[in-house]
Amino acid sequence: MAQSGETRAVYPSLRGKRALVTGGGSGIGSGIVEELSRQGSDVIFFDILNGESEALASRTGARFERVDLTRIPEMIGRVRDLIADGGPIDVLVNNAANDDRHKFEEVTEEYWDNRLNVNLKHQFFCAQAVVPEMRQKGGGSIVNLGSISWHLALPDLVLYQTCKAAIEGLTRALARDLGGDNIRVNCVVPGNVQTPRQLQWYTPEGEAEIVGAQCISTRLVPQDVAALVAFLASDDARGMTGHEYFVDAGWR
């Protein structure tokens, strides 16, 4: 069960900050958009899902931009336009990903390139696009979304897990390269989060098996992940960078 609004933390340092969330139209991403909007941030989110994204924007006051993150030059251009129009991005949340199942034997070079574009490449180039103005402003926060999947070696996700493992390496490298500019880079590693997309993969029996493998017998929801993202984005986490933080209810 999600925590009620009356008991959830508020971070004054996030009020008025410009936040960009990739893949913000549904699932965990929509939870992050809702949470940062609740914090009073000026939230922009990229997605390719029109209906869900427009409804989320209407509900939260966040700004929806239809951007295909696999088209890197177009994505960079849109980020640069946003900065030119409204100023630096203070918080970047690299959330967008796709965990379609796939068999090792069936992976082609074309599919390999597609999956790396969808799950990894845009994280680097979106960070690269926002950093110059972050530097000029004196700092910022980048939060990358990883996944529990590669830590557990789940089946039929070899390319997704390859990308998610790489994201933790990317996080550490960027934290080192950007730390001198007071730009913090962290990685949030969700466990199995109950979203409409995830429910297509699991039966009630499968969900029960996941909960049974967790230390805490609860079903995670997007708000659980978004709460940690908001903390890491805030000044309360000013001494935290270069690490991954799990929200998985102790799934082992």
C-alpha atoms as a PDB file:
ATOM      1  CA  MET A   1       0.000   0.000   0.000  1.00  0.00           C
ATOM      2  CA  ALA A   2       1.340   3.429  -0.929  1.00  0.00           C
ATOM      3  CA  GLN A   3       2.212   5.880   1.838  1.00  0.00           C
ATOM      4  CA  SER A   4      -0.360   8.624   2.371  1.00  0.00           C
ATOM      5  CA  GLY A   5       0.445  12.164   1.289  1.00  0.00           C
ATOM      6  CA  GLU A   6       0.180  13.452   4.834  1.00  0.00           C
ATOM      7  CA  THR A   7       3.161  11.400   6.005  1.00  0.00           C
ATOM      8  CA  ARG A   8       5.472  11.697   2.998  1.00  0.00           C
ATOM      9  CA  ALA A   9       8.636  13.797   3.133  1.00  0.00           C
ATOM     10  CA  VAL A  10       8.887  17.247   1.555  1.00  0.00           C
ATOM     11  CA  TYR A  11      12.241  18.641   0.429  1.00  0.00           C
ATOM     12  CA  PRO A  12      12.199  22.459   0.266  1.00  0.00           C
ATOM     13  CA  SER A  13      15.350  22.444  -1.890  1.00  0.00           C
ATOM     14  CA  LEU A  14      13.369  20.867  -4.742  1.00  0.00           C
ATOM     15  CA  ARG A  15      10.791  23.648  -4.899  1.00  0.00           C
ATOM     16  CA  GLY A  16      11.215  25.561  -8.137  1.00  0.00           C
ATOM     17  CA  LYS A  17      13.984  23.309  -9.448  1.00  0.00           C
ATOM     18  CA  ARG A  18      13.772  22.324 -13.115  1.00  0.00           C
ATOM     19  CA  ALA A  19      13.569  18.561 -13.414  1.00  0.00           C
ATOM     20  CA  LEU A  20      13.686  16.449 -16.576  1.00  0.00           C
ATOM     21  CA  VAL A  21      12.418  12.859 -16.411  1.00  0.00           C
ATOM     22  CA  THR A  22      12.882  10.508 -19.352  1.00  0.00           C
ATOM     23  CA  GLY A  23      10.234   7.855 -19.936  1.00  0.00           C
ATOM     24  CA  GLY A  24       7.951   9.699 -17.546  1.00  0.00           C
ATOM     25  CA  GLY A  25       4.610   8.834 -19.101  1.00  0.00           C
ATOM     26  CA  SER A  26       3.881   5.531 -17.380  1.00  0.00           C
ATOM     27  CA  GLY A  27       5.013   3.056 -14.738  1.00  0.00           C
ATOM     28  CA  ILE A  28       7.855   4.073 -12.438  1.00  0.00           C
ATOM     29  CA  GLY A  29       8.462   7.162 -14.566  1.00  0.00           C
ATOM     30  CA  SER A  30       4.972   8.506 -13.968  1.00  0.00           C
ATOM     31  CA  GLY A  31       5.440   7.963 -10.242  1.00  0.00           C
ATOM     32  CA  ILE A  32       8.625  10.054 -10.391  1.00  0.00           C
ATOM     33  CA  VAL A  33       6.859  12.811 -12.330  1.00  0.00           C
ATOM     34  CA  GLU A  34       4.057  12.859  -9.760  1.00  0.00           C
ATOM     35  CA  GLU A  35       6.488  12.956  -6.832  1.00  0.00           C
ATOM     36  CA  LEU A  36       8.690  15.737  -8.186  1.00  0.00           C
ATOM     37  CA  SER A  37       5.578  17.722  -9.083  1.00  0.00           C
ATOM     38  CA  ARG A  38       4.349  17.226  -5.515  1.00  0.00           C
ATOM     39  CA  GLN A  39       7.657  18.618  -4.314  1.00  0.00           C
ATOM     40  CA  GLY A  40       6.996  21.821  -6.249  1.00  0.00           C
ATOM     41  CA  SER A  41       9.578  21.216  -8.960  1.00  0.00           C
ATOM     42  CA  ASP A  42       9.117  22.482 -12.509  1.00  0.00           C
ATOM     43  CA  VAL A  43       8.866  19.061 -14.174  1.00  0.00           C
ATOM     44  CA  ILE A  44       9.309  18.229 -17.852  1.00  0.00           C
ATOM     45  CA  PHE A  45       9.091  14.645 -19.042  1.00  0.00           C
ATOM     46  CA  PHE A  46       9.926  12.883 -22.290  1.00  0.00           C
ATOM     47  CA  ASP A  47       7.910   9.959 -23.625  1.00  0.00           C
ATOM     48  CA  ILE A  48       6.368   8.558 -26.802  1.00  0.00           C
ATOM     49  CA  LEU A  49       3.033   7.553 -25.204  1.00  0.00           C
ATOM     50  CA  ASN A  50       0.626  10.320 -26.073  1.00  0.00           C
ATOM     51  CA  GLY A  51      -2.559   9.388 -24.193  1.00  0.00           C
ATOM     52  CA  GLU A  52      -1.059   8.384 -20.866  1.00  0.00           C
ATOM     53  CA  SER A  53       1.439  11.245 -20.964  1.00  0.00           C
ATOM     54  CA  GLU A  54      -1.169  13.886 -21.713  1.00  0.00           C
ATOM     55  CA  ALA A  55      -3.342  12.629 -18.849  1.00  0.00           C
ATOM     56  CA  LEU A  56      -0.366  12.715 -16.475  1.00  0.00           C
ATOM     57  CA  ALA A  57       0.542  16.243 -17.539  1.00  0.00           C
ATOM     58  CA  SER A  58      -3.043  17.382 -16.978  1.00  0.00           C
ATOM     59  CA  ARG A  59      -3.138  15.741 -13.546  1.00  0.00           C
ATOM     60  CA  THR A  60       0.211  17.010 -12.255  1.00  0.00           C
ATOM     61  CA  GLY A  61       0.924  20.233 -14.125  1.00  0.00           C
ATOM     62  CA  ALA A  62       4.118  18.726 -15.523  1.00  0.00           C
ATOM     63  CA  ARG A  63       5.086  19.447 -19.126  1.00  0.00           C
ATOM     64  CA  PHE A  64       4.982  16.563 -21.596  1.00  0.00           C
ATOM     65  CA  GLU A  65       7.358  16.547 -24.560  1.00  0.00           C
ATOM     66  CA  ARG A  66       6.989  13.805 -27.142  1.00  0.00           C
ATOM     67  CA  VAL A  67      10.592  12.738 -27.723  1.00  0.00           C
ATOM     68  CA  ASP A  68      11.974   9.486 -29.136  1.00  0.00           C
ATOM     69  CA  LEU A  69      15.115   8.955 -27.071  1.00  0.00           C
ATOM     70  CA  THR A  70      16.613   6.575 -29.626  1.00  0.00           C
ATOM     71  CA  ARG A  71      16.978   9.506 -32.021  1.00  0.00           C
ATOM     72  CA  ILE A  72      19.928  11.021 -30.233  1.00  0.00           C
ATOM     73  CA  PRO A  73      20.449  14.223 -32.290  1.00  0.00           C
ATOM     74  CA  GLU A  74      16.751  15.093 -31.998  1.00  0.00           C
ATOM     75  CA  MET A  75      16.758  14.361 -28.270  1.00  0.00           C
ATOM     76  CA  ILE A  76      19.832  16.527 -27.688  1.00  0.00           C
ATOM     77  CA  GLY A  77      18.289  19.306 -29.743  1.00  0.00           C
ATOM     78  CA  ARG A  78      15.102  19.213 -27.685  1.00  0.00           C
ATOM     79  CA  VAL A  79      17.064  19.346 -24.434  1.00  0.00           C
ATOM     80  CA  ARG A  80      19.084  22.305 -25.700  1.00  0.00           C
ATOM     81  CA  ASP A  81      15.857  24.087 -26.709  1.00  0.00           C
ATOM     82  CA  LEU A  82      14.378  23.538 -23.250  1.00  0.00           C
ATOM     83  CA  ILE A  83      17.478  24.994 -21.629  1.00  0.00           C
ATOM     84  CA  ALA A  84      17.563  27.946 -24.009  1.00  0.00           C
ATOM     85  CA  ASP A  85      13.886  28.675 -23.331  1.00  0.00           C
ATOM     86  CA  GLY A  86      13.735  28.139 -19.580  1.00  0.00           C
ATOM     87  CA  GLY A  87      17.200  27.852 -18.099  1.00  0.00           C
ATOM     88  CA  PRO A  88      19.346  24.999 -16.785  1.00  0.00           C
ATOM     89  CA  ILE A  89      18.043  21.586 -15.820  1.00  0.00           C
ATOM     90  CA  ASP A  90      18.755  21.111 -12.109  1.00  0.00           C
ATOM     91  CA  VAL A  91      17.653  17.474 -11.853  1.00  0.00           C
ATOM     92  CA  LEU A  92      17.905  14.837 -14.578  1.00  0.00           C
ATOM     93  CA  VAL A  93      16.220  11.482 -13.988  1.00  0.00           C
ATOM     94  CA  ASN A  94      17.303   8.944 -16.614  1.00  0.00           C
ATOM     95  CA  ASN A  95      14.404   6.539 -16.257  1.00  0.00           C
ATOM     96  CA  ALA A  96      13.401   5.440 -19.767  1.00  0.00           C
ATOM     97  CA  ALA A  97      13.869   1.738 -20.544  1.00  0.00           C
ATOM     98  CA  ASN A  98      12.123  -1.290 -22.021  1.00  0.00           C
ATOM     99  CA  ASP A  99      12.337  -4.776 -20.523  1.00  0.00           C
ATOM    100  CA  ASP A 100      10.810  -6.818 -23.337  1.00  0.00           C
ATOM    101  CA  ARG A 101      11.751 -10.478 -22.895  1.00  0.00           C
ATOM    102  CA  HIS A 102      14.045 -12.052 -25.460  1.00  0.00           C
ATOM    103  CA  LYS A 103      15.832 -15.356 -26.013  1.00  0.00           C
ATOM    104  CA  PHE A 104      19.626 -15.452 -26.222  1.00  0.00           C
ATOM    105  CA  GLU A 105      19.531 -17.561 -29.390  1.00  0.00           C
ATOM    106  CA  GLU A 106      17.225 -15.136 -31.186  1.00  0.00           C
ATOM    107  CA  VAL A 107      19.210 -11.929 -30.660  1.00  0.00           C
ATOM    108  CA  THR A 108      20.391 -10.347 -33.912  1.00  0.00           C
ATOM    109  CA  GLU A 109      22.862  -7.516 -34.344  1.00  0.00           C
ATOM    110  CA  GLU A 110      19.973  -5.226 -35.249  1.00  0.00           C
ATOM    111  CA  TYR A 111      18.092  -6.143 -32.078  1.00  0.00           C
ATOM    112  CA  TRP A 112      21.275  -5.724 -30.006  1.00  0.00           C
ATOM    113  CA  ASP A 113      21.724  -2.176 -31.309  1.00  0.00           C
ATOM    114  CA  ASN A 114      18.055  -1.373 -30.750  1.00  0.00           C
ATOM    115  CA  ARG A 115      18.057  -2.580 -27.132  1.00  0.00           C
ATOM    116  CA  LEU A 116      21.239  -0.662 -26.267  1.00  0.00           C
ATOM    117  CA  ASN A 117      19.729   2.460 -27.806  1.00  0.00           C
ATOM    118  CA  VAL A 118      16.496   2.026 -25.853  1.00  0.00           C
ATOM    119  CA  ASN A 119      18.050   1.139 -22.500  1.00  0.00           C
ATOM    120  CA  LEU A 120      21.510   2.724 -22.262  1.00  0.00           C
ATOM    121  CA  LYS A 121      22.746   5.115 -24.938  1.00  0.00           C
ATOM    122  CA  HIS A 122      20.299   7.942 -24.230  1.00  0.00           C
ATOM    123  CA  GLN A 123      21.283   8.069 -20.543  1.00  0.00           C
ATOM    124  CA  PHE A 124      24.800   9.171 -21.446  1.00  0.00           C
ATOM    125  CA  PHE A 125      23.801  11.686 -24.103  1.00  0.00           C
ATOM    126  CA  CYS A 126      20.978  13.204 -22.083  1.00  0.00           C
ATOM    127  CA  ALA A 127      23.439  13.753 -19.232  1.00  0.00           C
ATOM    128  CA  GLN A 128      25.943  15.239 -21.651  1.00  0.00           C
ATOM    129  CA  ALA A 129      23.282  17.653 -22.912  1.00  0.00           C
ATOM    130  CA  VAL A 130      22.318  19.058 -19.484  1.00  0.00           C
ATOM    131  CA  VAL A 131      25.752  19.222 -17.834  1.00  0.00           C
ATOM    132  CA  PRO A 132      27.198  22.447 -19.338  1.00  0.00           C
ATOM    133  CA  GLU A 133      24.494  24.627 -17.792  1.00  0.00           C
ATOM    134  CA  MET A 134      24.543  22.596 -14.563  1.00  0.00           C
ATOM    135  CA  ARG A 135      28.234  23.497 -14.317  1.00  0.00           C
ATOM    136  CA  GLN A 136      27.561  27.172 -14.912  1.00  0.00           C
ATOM    137  CA  LYS A 137      24.856  27.182 -12.248  1.00  0.00           C
ATOM    138  CA  GLY A 138      27.127  25.527  -9.703  1.00  0.00           C
ATOM    139  CA  GLY A 139      25.803  21.984  -9.524  1.00  0.00           C
ATOM    140  CA  GLY A 140      22.960  19.591 -10.057  1.00  0.00           C
ATOM    141  CA  SER A 141      21.772  16.031  -9.575  1.00  0.00           C
ATOM    142  CA  ILE A 142      21.552  13.165 -12.051  1.00  0.00           C
ATOM    143  CA  VAL A 143      19.680  10.018 -11.043  1.00  0.00           C
ATOM    144  CA  ASN A 144      19.976   6.977 -13.291  1.00  0.00           C
ATOM    145  CA  LEU A 145      17.549   4.067 -13.035  1.00  0.00           C
ATOM    146  CA  GLY A 146      19.098   0.605 -12.874  1.00  0.00           C
ATOM    147  CA  SER A 147      17.396  -2.723 -12.221  1.00  0.00           C
ATOM    148  CA  ILE A 148      17.481  -5.617  -9.769  1.00  0.00           C
ATOM    149  CA  SER A 149      17.252  -7.981 -12.742  1.00  0.00           C
ATOM    150  CA  TRP A 150      20.954  -8.359 -13.470  1.00  0.00           C
ATOM    151  CA  HIS A 151      21.793  -8.769  -9.773  1.00  0.00           C
ATOM    152  CA  LEU A 152      19.401 -11.741  -9.715  1.00  0.00           C
ATOM    153  CA  ALA A 153      20.276 -13.024 -13.221  1.00  0.00           C
ATOM    154  CA  LEU A 154      16.646 -13.303 -14.271  1.00  0.00           C
ATOM    155  CA  PRO A 155      15.934 -15.305 -17.461  1.00  0.00           C
ATOM    156  CA  ASP A 156      15.225 -13.983 -20.962  1.00  0.00           C
ATOM    157  CA  LEU A 157      16.606 -10.482 -20.315  1.00  0.00           C
ATOM    158  CA  VAL A 158      20.227 -10.714 -21.412  1.00  0.00           C
ATOM    159  CA  LEU A 159      20.360  -7.406 -23.312  1.00  0.00           C
ATOM    160  CA  TYR A 160      18.276  -5.498 -20.778  1.00  0.00           C
ATOM    161  CA  GLN A 161      20.473  -6.784 -17.976  1.00  0.00           C
ATOM    162  CA  THR A 162      23.639  -5.941 -19.901  1.00  0.00           C
ATOM    163  CA  CYS A 163      22.429  -2.346 -20.180  1.00  0.00           C
ATOM    164  CA  LYS A 164      21.341  -2.123 -16.554  1.00  0.00           C
ATOM    165  CA  ALA A 165      24.711  -3.422 -15.358  1.00  0.00           C
ATOM    166  CA  ALA A 166      26.429  -0.833 -17.558  1.00  0.00           C
ATOM    167  CA  ILE A 167      24.312   1.940 -16.040  1.00  0.00           C
ATOM    168  CA  GLU A 168      25.876   1.312 -12.637  1.00  0.00           C
ATOM    169  CA  GLY A 169      29.320   1.665 -14.228  1.00  0.00           C
ATOM    170  CA  LEU A 170      28.186   4.806 -16.043  1.00  0.00           C
ATOM    171  CA  THR A 171      26.959   6.241 -12.742  1.00  0.00           C
ATOM    172  CA  ARG A 172      30.295   5.762 -11.007  1.00  0.00           C
ATOM    173  CA  ALA A 173      32.278   7.147 -13.930  1.00  0.00           C
ATOM    174  CA  LEU A 174      30.100  10.249 -14.300  1.00  0.00           C
ATOM    175  CA  ALA A 175      30.163  10.863 -10.556  1.00  0.00           C
ATOM    176  CA  ARG A 176      33.956  10.999 -10.703  1.00  0.00           C
ATOM    177  CA  ASP A 177      34.129  13.158 -13.832  1.00  0.00           C
ATOM    178  CA  LEU A 178      31.445  15.621 -12.711  1.00  0.00           C
ATOM    179  CA  GLY A 179      31.976  15.740  -8.957  1.00  0.00           C
ATOM    180  CA  GLY A 180      34.379  18.672  -9.186  1.00  0.00           C
ATOM    181  CA  ASP A 181      31.498  20.703 -10.607  1.00  0.00           C
ATOM    182  CA  ASN A 182      29.228  19.773  -7.677  1.00  0.00           C
ATOM    183  CA  ILE A 183      27.136  17.538  -9.918  1.00  0.00           C
ATOM    184  CA  ARG A 184      26.056  14.407  -8.105  1.00  0.00           C
ATOM    185  CA  VAL A 185      25.285  11.187  -9.996  1.00  0.00           C
ATOM    186  CA  ASN A 186      23.514   8.261  -8.352  1.00  0.00           C
ATOM    187  CA  CYS A 187      21.694   5.116  -9.421  1.00  0.00           C
ATOM    188  CA  VAL A 188      18.394   3.827  -8.045  1.00  0.00           C
ATOM    189  CA  VAL A 189      17.908   0.080  -8.419  1.00  0.00           C
ATOM    190  CA  PRO A 190      14.226  -0.915  -8.238  1.00  0.00           C
ATOM    191  CA  GLY A 191      13.076  -4.392  -7.409  1.00  0.00           C
ATOM    192  CA  ASN A 192       9.877  -5.765  -8.890  1.00  0.00           C
ATOM    193  CA  VAL A 193       7.503  -2.807  -8.913  1.00  0.00           C
ATOM    194  CA  GLN A 194       3.793  -3.277  -9.468  1.00  0.00           C
ATOM    195  CA  THR A 195       2.921  -1.450 -12.686  1.00  0.00           C
ATOM    196  CA  PRO A 196       0.468  -2.305 -15.480  1.00  0.00           C
ATOM    197  CA  ARG A 197       3.410  -3.325 -17.644  1.00  0.00           C
ATOM    198  CA  GLN A 198       4.908  -5.649 -15.056  1.00  0.00           C
ATOM    199  CA  LEU A 199       1.574  -7.287 -14.416  1.00  0.00           C
ATOM    200  CA  GLN A 200       1.585  -8.644 -17.967  1.00  0.00           C
ATOM    201  CA  TRP A 201       4.563 -10.846 -17.073  1.00  0.00           C
ATOM    202  CA  TYR A 202       3.304 -12.271 -13.773  1.00  0.00           C
ATOM    203  CA  THR A 203       0.375 -14.372 -12.624  1.00  0.00           C
ATOM    204  CA  PRO A 204      -0.944 -13.905  -9.066  1.00  0.00           C
ATOM    205  CA  GLU A 205       1.101 -16.990  -8.170  1.00  0.00           C
ATOM    206  CA  GLY A 206       4.217 -15.416  -9.689  1.00  0.00           C
ATOM    207  CA  GLU A 207       3.678 -12.212  -7.737  1.00  0.00           C
ATOM    208  CA  ALA A 208       3.288 -14.212  -4.542  1.00  0.00           C
ATOM    209  CA  GLU A 209       6.566 -15.979  -5.288  1.00  0.00           C
ATOM    210  CA  ILE A 210       8.352 -12.634  -5.650  1.00  0.00           C
ATOM    211  CA  VAL A 211       6.917 -11.311  -2.393  1.00  0.00           C
ATOM    212  CA  GLY A 212       7.924 -14.561  -0.711  1.00  0.00           C
ATOM    213  CA  ALA A 213      11.545 -14.009  -1.806  1.00  0.00           C
ATOM    214  CA  GLN A 214      11.617 -10.507  -0.333  1.00  0.00           C
ATOM    215  CA  CYS A 215      12.642  -9.698   3.230  1.00  0.00           C
ATOM    216  CA  ILE A 216       9.602  -7.441   3.544  1.00  0.00           C
ATOM    217  CA  SER A 217       6.298  -8.988   2.479  1.00  0.00           C
ATOM    218  CA  THR A 218       4.930  -6.038   0.550  1.00  0.00           C
ATOM    219  CA  ARG A 219       4.248  -5.230  -3.074  1.00  0.00           C
ATOM    220  CA  LEU A 220       6.379  -2.327  -4.247  1.00  0.00           C
ATOM    221  CA  VAL A 221       4.678   0.498  -6.154  1.00  0.00           C
ATOM    222  CA  PRO A 222       6.147   3.396  -8.209  1.00  0.00           C
ATOM    223  CA  GLN A 223       5.835   5.770  -5.248  1.00  0.00           C
ATOM    224  CA  ASP A 224       8.402   3.679  -3.353  1.00  0.00           C
ATOM    225  CA  VAL A 225      10.995   4.282  -6.057  1.00  0.00           C
ATOM    226  CA  ALA A 226      10.009   7.913  -6.563  1.00  0.00           C
ATOM    227  CA  ALA A 227      10.531   8.649  -2.867  1.00  0.00           C
ATOM    228  CA  LEU A 228      14.197   7.677  -3.127  1.00  0.00           C
ATOM    229  CA  VAL A 229      14.650   9.563  -6.394  1.00  0.00           C
ATOM    230  CA  ALA A 230      13.298  12.727  -4.760  1.00  0.00           C
ATOM    231  CA  PHE A 231      15.650  12.357  -1.802  1.00  0.00           C
ATOM    232  CA  LEU A 232      18.708  11.835  -4.024  1.00  0.00           C
ATOM    233  CA  ALA A 233      17.687  14.822  -6.152  1.00  0.00           C
ATOM    234  CA  SER A 234      17.377  17.060  -3.108  1.00  0.00           C
ATOM    235  CA  ASP A 235      20.063  18.975  -1.214  1.00  0.00           C
ATOM    236  CA  ASP A 236      19.477  16.632   1.736  1.00  0.00           C
ATOM    237  CA  ALA A 237      21.581  14.108  -0.207  1.00  0.00           C
ATOM    238  CA  ARG A 238      24.373  16.597  -0.942  1.00  0.00           C
ATOM    239  CA  GLY A 239      27.085  14.193   0.238  1.00  0.00           C
ATOM    240  CA  MET A 240      25.851  11.206  -1.769  1.00  0.00           C
ATOM    241  CA  THR A 241      27.228  10.409  -5.213  1.00  0.00           C
ATOM    242  CA  GLY A 242      28.642   7.572  -7.271  1.00  0.00           C
ATOM    243  CA  HIS A 243      26.631   4.747  -5.738  1.00  0.00           C
ATOM    244  CA  GLU A 244      23.597   2.579  -6.339  1.00  0.00           C
ATOM    245  CA  TYR A 245      20.708   2.394  -3.884  1.00  0.00           C
ATOM    246  CA  PHE A 246      18.211  -0.452  -3.864  1.00  0.00           C
ATOM    247  CA  VAL A 247      14.430  -0.233  -3.467  1.00  0.00           C
ATOM    248  CA  ASP A 248      13.633  -3.942  -3.627  1.00  0.00           C
ATOM    249  CA  ALA A 249      12.117  -4.901  -0.254  1.00  0.00           C
ATOM    250  CA  GLY A 250      15.162  -7.121   0.210  1.00  0.00           C
ATOM    251  CA  TRP A 251      14.509  -9.351  -2.812  1.00  0.00           C
ATOM    252  CA  ARG A 252      17.131 -12.109  -2.912  1.00  0.00           C
END
